[in-house]
Amino acid sequence: MTATILIAEDEPSIRDLMDLILTQAGFEVSTAPDGKAALDLMKRSRFDLVLLDIRMPHMSGLDVLAALGRLPYMPRALMVSANCAAETVREAVGLGCSDYLAKPFAPAALVARVRNALASPAPLLLN
């Protein structure tokens, strides 16, 4: 079974590049231009992994992470952001993010982090 991945990224060129890299690596990829659209997609479809940028219009990646607990399932989450401030990384990890990839990234690094995240145990939904 092919893993399903949702990319939430507001920059079209980065979103398209990530989509291309991960599709070529054999994943089934969907995209969203912001956090609100990503959360709406996750309410309608199940994803094994969601890749989140921090700064997006309408709803940040951190806001999406905080909202994941209200879904009927809990996808793994990987932050992909240029914002690598220690306090932001700590907050993301505290909200359930399994890993953090800094932009700019090498395509091989993206694929490796995605595979690692997918190999980790799925988060437990406690509510």
N, C-alpha and C. Protein backbone atom coordinates (compact mmCIF):
# COMPACT_ATOMS: atom_id res chain seq x y z
N MET A 1 0.84 -1.18 0.00
CA MET A 1 0.00 0.00 0.00
C MET A 1 0.89 1.25 0.00
N THR A 2 0.56 2.19 -0.84
CA THR A 2 1.31 3.43 -0.95
C THR A 2 0.91 4.39 0.16
N ALA A 3 1.90 5.00 0.78
CA ALA A 3 1.63 5.97 1.83
C ALA A 3 1.03 7.23 1.23
N THR A 4 0.06 7.81 1.95
CA THR A 4 -0.57 9.05 1.51
C THR A 4 -0.01 10.21 2.31
N ILE A 5 0.36 11.25 1.59
CA ILE A 5 1.01 12.41 2.19
C ILE A 5 0.26 13.68 1.79
N LEU A 6 0.07 14.56 2.75
CA LEU A 6 -0.51 15.87 2.49
C LEU A 6 0.56 16.92 2.74
N ILE A 7 0.78 17.78 1.76
CA ILE A 7 1.73 18.88 1.88
C ILE A 7 0.95 20.17 2.07
N ALA A 8 1.19 20.86 3.17
CA ALA A 8 0.58 22.17 3.42
C ALA A 8 1.69 23.21 3.33
N GLU A 9 1.71 23.94 2.25
CA GLU A 9 2.78 24.91 1.95
C GLU A 9 2.18 26.04 1.13
N ASP A 10 2.37 27.28 1.57
CA ASP A 10 1.77 28.41 0.87
C ASP A 10 2.56 28.89 -0.34
N GLU A 11 3.82 28.55 -0.43
CA GLU A 11 4.66 28.97 -1.56
C GLU A 11 4.49 27.95 -2.71
N PRO A 12 3.82 28.35 -3.82
CA PRO A 12 3.51 27.38 -4.88
C PRO A 12 4.75 26.65 -5.44
N SER A 13 5.86 27.35 -5.61
CA SER A 13 7.03 26.68 -6.20
C SER A 13 7.58 25.60 -5.26
N ILE A 14 7.59 25.86 -3.97
CA ILE A 14 8.07 24.87 -3.00
C ILE A 14 7.08 23.72 -2.90
N ARG A 15 5.79 24.05 -2.86
CA ARG A 15 4.75 23.02 -2.79
C ARG A 15 4.83 22.09 -4.00
N ASP A 16 4.99 22.67 -5.19
CA ASP A 16 5.08 21.87 -6.41
C ASP A 16 6.35 21.02 -6.44
N LEU A 17 7.46 21.57 -5.96
CA LEU A 17 8.71 20.82 -5.91
C LEU A 17 8.60 19.64 -4.96
N MET A 18 8.04 19.87 -3.78
CA MET A 18 7.85 18.78 -2.81
C MET A 18 6.93 17.70 -3.37
N ASP A 19 5.87 18.12 -4.03
CA ASP A 19 4.93 17.19 -4.66
C ASP A 19 5.67 16.32 -5.68
N LEU A 20 6.44 16.95 -6.55
CA LEU A 20 7.19 16.23 -7.58
C LEU A 20 8.18 15.23 -6.96
N ILE A 21 8.97 15.68 -5.99
CA ILE A 21 9.97 14.82 -5.35
C ILE A 21 9.31 13.60 -4.71
N LEU A 22 8.24 13.83 -3.97
CA LEU A 22 7.61 12.73 -3.24
C LEU A 22 6.80 11.81 -4.15
N THR A 23 6.19 12.36 -5.19
CA THR A 23 5.48 11.53 -6.16
C THR A 23 6.48 10.63 -6.88
N GLN A 24 7.61 11.18 -7.28
CA GLN A 24 8.64 10.38 -7.95
C GLN A 24 9.22 9.31 -7.02
N ALA A 25 9.16 9.55 -5.72
CA ALA A 25 9.64 8.57 -4.74
C ALA A 25 8.59 7.48 -4.47
N GLY A 26 7.43 7.60 -5.09
CA GLY A 26 6.41 6.55 -4.98
C GLY A 26 5.28 6.81 -4.00
N PHE A 27 5.19 8.02 -3.48
CA PHE A 27 4.13 8.34 -2.52
C PHE A 27 2.91 8.91 -3.24
N GLU A 28 1.75 8.77 -2.63
CA GLU A 28 0.53 9.40 -3.12
C GLU A 28 0.41 10.74 -2.42
N VAL A 29 0.45 11.83 -3.18
CA VAL A 29 0.57 13.17 -2.61
C VAL A 29 -0.65 14.03 -2.93
N SER A 30 -1.11 14.75 -1.92
CA SER A 30 -2.12 15.81 -2.07
C SER A 30 -1.49 17.08 -1.53
N THR A 31 -1.99 18.23 -1.98
CA THR A 31 -1.42 19.50 -1.52
C THR A 31 -2.52 20.45 -1.08
N ALA A 32 -2.10 21.38 -0.22
CA ALA A 32 -2.98 22.44 0.26
C ALA A 32 -2.17 23.73 0.34
N PRO A 33 -2.76 24.87 -0.02
CA PRO A 33 -2.04 26.14 -0.03
C PRO A 33 -1.92 26.82 1.34
N ASP A 34 -2.60 26.29 2.35
CA ASP A 34 -2.52 26.88 3.68
C ASP A 34 -3.02 25.88 4.72
N GLY A 35 -2.88 26.24 5.98
CA GLY A 35 -3.26 25.34 7.06
C GLY A 35 -4.74 25.04 7.12
N LYS A 36 -5.58 26.03 6.87
CA LYS A 36 -7.03 25.81 6.90
C LYS A 36 -7.44 24.81 5.83
N ALA A 37 -6.93 24.97 4.62
CA ALA A 37 -7.26 24.04 3.54
C ALA A 37 -6.74 22.64 3.86
N ALA A 38 -5.57 22.56 4.49
CA ALA A 38 -5.02 21.25 4.87
C ALA A 38 -5.92 20.57 5.88
N LEU A 39 -6.36 21.30 6.88
CA LEU A 39 -7.23 20.72 7.90
C LEU A 39 -8.56 20.29 7.29
N ASP A 40 -9.10 21.08 6.38
CA ASP A 40 -10.33 20.69 5.69
C ASP A 40 -10.14 19.39 4.92
N LEU A 41 -9.01 19.24 4.23
CA LEU A 41 -8.72 18.00 3.50
C LEU A 41 -8.59 16.82 4.45
N MET A 42 -7.96 17.03 5.60
CA MET A 42 -7.77 15.94 6.56
C MET A 42 -9.09 15.52 7.21
N LYS A 43 -10.08 16.39 7.19
CA LYS A 43 -11.40 16.03 7.72
C LYS A 43 -12.15 15.14 6.74
N ARG A 44 -11.79 15.23 5.45
CA ARG A 44 -12.48 14.45 4.41
C ARG A 44 -11.72 13.20 3.98
N SER A 45 -10.40 13.19 4.16
CA SER A 45 -9.58 12.06 3.71
C SER A 45 -8.54 11.74 4.77
N ARG A 46 -8.12 10.49 4.80
CA ARG A 46 -7.06 10.06 5.73
C ARG A 46 -5.71 10.18 5.05
N PHE A 47 -4.74 10.69 5.81
CA PHE A 47 -3.36 10.78 5.34
C PHE A 47 -2.46 10.10 6.35
N ASP A 48 -1.42 9.44 5.86
CA ASP A 48 -0.45 8.81 6.74
C ASP A 48 0.50 9.83 7.35
N LEU A 49 0.75 10.91 6.59
CA LEU A 49 1.71 11.93 7.01
C LEU A 49 1.28 13.27 6.46
N VAL A 50 1.44 14.30 7.29
CA VAL A 50 1.20 15.67 6.82
C VAL A 50 2.49 16.46 7.00
N LEU A 51 2.90 17.16 5.93
CA LEU A 51 4.07 18.03 5.96
C LEU A 51 3.56 19.45 6.09
N LEU A 52 4.04 20.17 7.11
CA LEU A 52 3.51 21.49 7.42
C LEU A 52 4.59 22.55 7.42
N ASP A 53 4.32 23.65 6.75
CA ASP A 53 5.14 24.85 6.88
C ASP A 53 4.65 25.55 8.15
N ILE A 54 5.49 26.38 8.74
CA ILE A 54 5.07 27.12 9.93
C ILE A 54 4.21 28.32 9.54
N ARG A 55 4.78 29.19 8.73
CA ARG A 55 4.09 30.43 8.38
C ARG A 55 3.26 30.23 7.11
N MET A 56 1.94 30.24 7.32
CA MET A 56 1.00 30.13 6.20
C MET A 56 -0.18 31.04 6.51
N PRO A 57 -0.87 31.51 5.47
CA PRO A 57 -2.05 32.33 5.72
C PRO A 57 -3.19 31.49 6.32
N HIS A 58 -4.10 32.16 6.97
CA HIS A 58 -5.34 31.59 7.53
C HIS A 58 -5.11 30.71 8.76
N MET A 59 -4.05 29.91 8.77
CA MET A 59 -3.81 28.99 9.89
C MET A 59 -2.37 28.49 9.76
N SER A 60 -1.58 28.71 10.79
CA SER A 60 -0.17 28.30 10.73
C SER A 60 -0.03 26.79 10.88
N GLY A 61 1.15 26.30 10.58
CA GLY A 61 1.44 24.89 10.78
C GLY A 61 1.30 24.47 12.23
N LEU A 62 1.68 25.36 13.14
CA LEU A 62 1.53 25.07 14.57
C LEU A 62 0.06 24.98 14.95
N ASP A 63 -0.77 25.85 14.38
CA ASP A 63 -2.21 25.78 14.63
C ASP A 63 -2.80 24.48 14.11
N VAL A 64 -2.32 24.03 12.95
CA VAL A 64 -2.79 22.75 12.40
C VAL A 64 -2.39 21.61 13.33
N LEU A 65 -1.14 21.62 13.78
CA LEU A 65 -0.69 20.59 14.73
C LEU A 65 -1.60 20.53 15.95
N ALA A 66 -1.93 21.68 16.50
CA ALA A 66 -2.79 21.74 17.68
C ALA A 66 -4.19 21.20 17.38
N ALA A 67 -4.65 21.36 16.14
CA ALA A 67 -6.00 20.92 15.77
C ALA A 67 -6.07 19.43 15.40
N LEU A 68 -4.94 18.79 15.17
CA LEU A 68 -4.95 17.39 14.74
C LEU A 68 -5.66 16.48 15.74
N GLY A 69 -5.57 16.79 17.00
CA GLY A 69 -6.22 15.97 18.02
C GLY A 69 -7.73 15.95 17.93
N ARG A 70 -8.31 16.86 17.18
CA ARG A 70 -9.77 16.90 17.01
C ARG A 70 -10.23 16.08 15.81
N LEU A 71 -9.29 15.50 15.07
CA LEU A 71 -9.65 14.65 13.93
C LEU A 71 -10.01 13.25 14.44
N PRO A 72 -10.76 12.49 13.65
CA PRO A 72 -11.08 11.12 14.07
C PRO A 72 -9.89 10.16 13.95
N TYR A 73 -8.79 10.62 13.43
CA TYR A 73 -7.55 9.85 13.33
C TYR A 73 -6.39 10.81 13.55
N MET A 74 -5.20 10.28 13.78
CA MET A 74 -4.05 11.14 14.06
C MET A 74 -2.93 10.84 13.07
N PRO A 75 -2.76 11.69 12.05
CA PRO A 75 -1.66 11.45 11.12
C PRO A 75 -0.32 11.85 11.75
N ARG A 76 0.75 11.28 11.26
CA ARG A 76 2.08 11.74 11.67
C ARG A 76 2.27 13.13 11.06
N ALA A 77 3.14 13.92 11.68
CA ALA A 77 3.38 15.28 11.19
C ALA A 77 4.88 15.55 11.12
N LEU A 78 5.28 16.20 10.05
CA LEU A 78 6.66 16.60 9.81
C LEU A 78 6.64 18.08 9.43
N MET A 79 7.38 18.90 10.18
CA MET A 79 7.46 20.32 9.86
C MET A 79 8.55 20.52 8.81
N VAL A 80 8.27 21.34 7.81
CA VAL A 80 9.25 21.70 6.79
C VAL A 80 9.19 23.22 6.71
N SER A 81 10.18 23.88 7.31
CA SER A 81 10.09 25.32 7.47
C SER A 81 11.46 25.99 7.50
N ALA A 82 11.48 27.23 7.09
CA ALA A 82 12.70 28.04 7.23
C ALA A 82 12.82 28.58 8.65
N ASN A 83 11.74 28.53 9.41
CA ASN A 83 11.75 29.00 10.80
C ASN A 83 12.27 27.87 11.68
N CYS A 84 13.53 27.94 12.04
CA CYS A 84 14.16 26.87 12.84
C CYS A 84 14.57 27.37 14.22
N ALA A 85 13.91 28.41 14.70
CA ALA A 85 14.19 28.92 16.04
C ALA A 85 13.92 27.82 17.05
N ALA A 86 14.79 27.69 18.04
CA ALA A 86 14.69 26.61 19.02
C ALA A 86 13.32 26.56 19.69
N GLU A 87 12.76 27.71 20.04
CA GLU A 87 11.46 27.71 20.71
C GLU A 87 10.35 27.22 19.78
N THR A 88 10.45 27.51 18.49
CA THR A 88 9.45 27.04 17.53
C THR A 88 9.55 25.53 17.35
N VAL A 89 10.77 25.02 17.26
CA VAL A 89 10.98 23.57 17.13
C VAL A 89 10.43 22.86 18.37
N ARG A 90 10.73 23.39 19.56
CA ARG A 90 10.22 22.80 20.80
C ARG A 90 8.69 22.79 20.82
N GLU A 91 8.09 23.88 20.40
CA GLU A 91 6.63 23.96 20.39
C GLU A 91 6.05 22.93 19.42
N ALA A 92 6.65 22.80 18.23
CA ALA A 92 6.17 21.84 17.24
C ALA A 92 6.28 20.41 17.77
N VAL A 93 7.40 20.08 18.37
CA VAL A 93 7.59 18.73 18.94
C VAL A 93 6.60 18.50 20.07
N GLY A 94 6.37 19.51 20.89
CA GLY A 94 5.41 19.40 21.97
C GLY A 94 3.98 19.18 21.49
N LEU A 95 3.69 19.65 20.29
CA LEU A 95 2.36 19.47 19.71
C LEU A 95 2.23 18.17 18.93
N GLY A 96 3.31 17.38 18.87
CA GLY A 96 3.21 16.08 18.22
C GLY A 96 3.96 15.90 16.93
N CYS A 97 4.70 16.91 16.52
CA CYS A 97 5.51 16.80 15.30
C CYS A 97 6.62 15.78 15.53
N SER A 98 6.81 14.88 14.58
CA SER A 98 7.82 13.83 14.76
C SER A 98 9.21 14.24 14.30
N ASP A 99 9.29 15.24 13.42
CA ASP A 99 10.60 15.66 12.91
C ASP A 99 10.45 17.07 12.34
N TYR A 100 11.61 17.67 12.04
CA TYR A 100 11.65 19.06 11.59
C TYR A 100 12.72 19.16 10.51
N LEU A 101 12.35 19.54 9.31
CA LEU A 101 13.29 19.68 8.20
C LEU A 101 13.39 21.16 7.84
N ALA A 102 14.62 21.67 7.83
CA ALA A 102 14.85 23.08 7.54
C ALA A 102 14.86 23.32 6.03
N LYS A 103 14.28 24.44 5.62
CA LYS A 103 14.38 24.91 4.24
C LYS A 103 15.60 25.81 4.16
N PRO A 104 16.33 25.81 3.08
CA PRO A 104 16.16 24.93 1.92
C PRO A 104 16.65 23.52 2.25
N PHE A 105 16.12 22.55 1.54
CA PHE A 105 16.46 21.15 1.79
C PHE A 105 16.87 20.47 0.49
N ALA A 106 17.64 19.42 0.59
CA ALA A 106 18.00 18.60 -0.56
C ALA A 106 16.86 17.61 -0.79
N PRO A 107 16.55 17.29 -2.05
CA PRO A 107 15.48 16.32 -2.31
C PRO A 107 15.68 15.00 -1.56
N ALA A 108 16.91 14.50 -1.51
CA ALA A 108 17.18 13.24 -0.81
C ALA A 108 16.87 13.36 0.68
N ALA A 109 17.13 14.52 1.26
CA ALA A 109 16.84 14.73 2.68
C ALA A 109 15.34 14.71 2.92
N LEU A 110 14.57 15.31 2.02
CA LEU A 110 13.11 15.30 2.16
C LEU A 110 12.59 13.87 2.13
N VAL A 111 13.01 13.10 1.15
CA VAL A 111 12.55 11.71 1.02
C VAL A 111 12.96 10.89 2.24
N ALA A 112 14.19 11.07 2.71
CA ALA A 112 14.67 10.32 3.88
C ALA A 112 13.86 10.66 5.12
N ARG A 113 13.58 11.94 5.35
CA ARG A 113 12.80 12.35 6.53
C ARG A 113 11.37 11.82 6.45
N VAL A 114 10.80 11.84 5.25
CA VAL A 114 9.44 11.31 5.07
C VAL A 114 9.43 9.82 5.36
N ARG A 115 10.39 9.09 4.83
CA ARG A 115 10.44 7.64 5.09
C ARG A 115 10.63 7.35 6.58
N ASN A 116 11.49 8.13 7.24
CA ASN A 116 11.70 7.95 8.69
C ASN A 116 10.41 8.22 9.46
N ALA A 117 9.72 9.29 9.10
CA ALA A 117 8.48 9.63 9.79
C ALA A 117 7.43 8.54 9.59
N LEU A 118 7.35 8.00 8.39
CA LEU A 118 6.38 6.95 8.11
C LEU A 118 6.72 5.64 8.82
N ALA A 119 8.01 5.42 9.08
CA ALA A 119 8.44 4.20 9.77
C ALA A 119 8.22 4.28 11.28
N SER A 120 8.03 5.49 11.80
CA SER A 120 7.82 5.65 13.24
C SER A 120 6.39 5.23 13.59
N PRO A 121 6.16 4.86 14.84
CA PRO A 121 4.81 4.48 15.26
C PRO A 121 3.84 5.64 15.06
N ALA A 122 2.64 5.31 14.67
CA ALA A 122 1.61 6.34 14.51
C ALA A 122 1.26 6.91 15.87
N PRO A 123 0.98 8.21 15.93
CA PRO A 123 0.61 8.82 17.21
C PRO A 123 -0.70 8.24 17.73
N LEU A 124 -0.83 8.20 19.04
CA LEU A 124 -2.06 7.72 19.65
C LEU A 124 -3.02 8.87 19.84
N LEU A 125 -4.28 8.62 19.57
CA LEU A 125 -5.31 9.62 19.81
C LEU A 125 -5.88 9.35 21.18
N LEU A 126 -5.72 10.30 22.09
CA LEU A 126 -6.10 10.08 23.49
C LEU A 126 -7.51 10.52 23.84
N ASN A 127 -8.21 11.20 22.93
CA ASN A 127 -9.56 11.65 23.29
C ASN A 127 -10.63 10.81 22.65
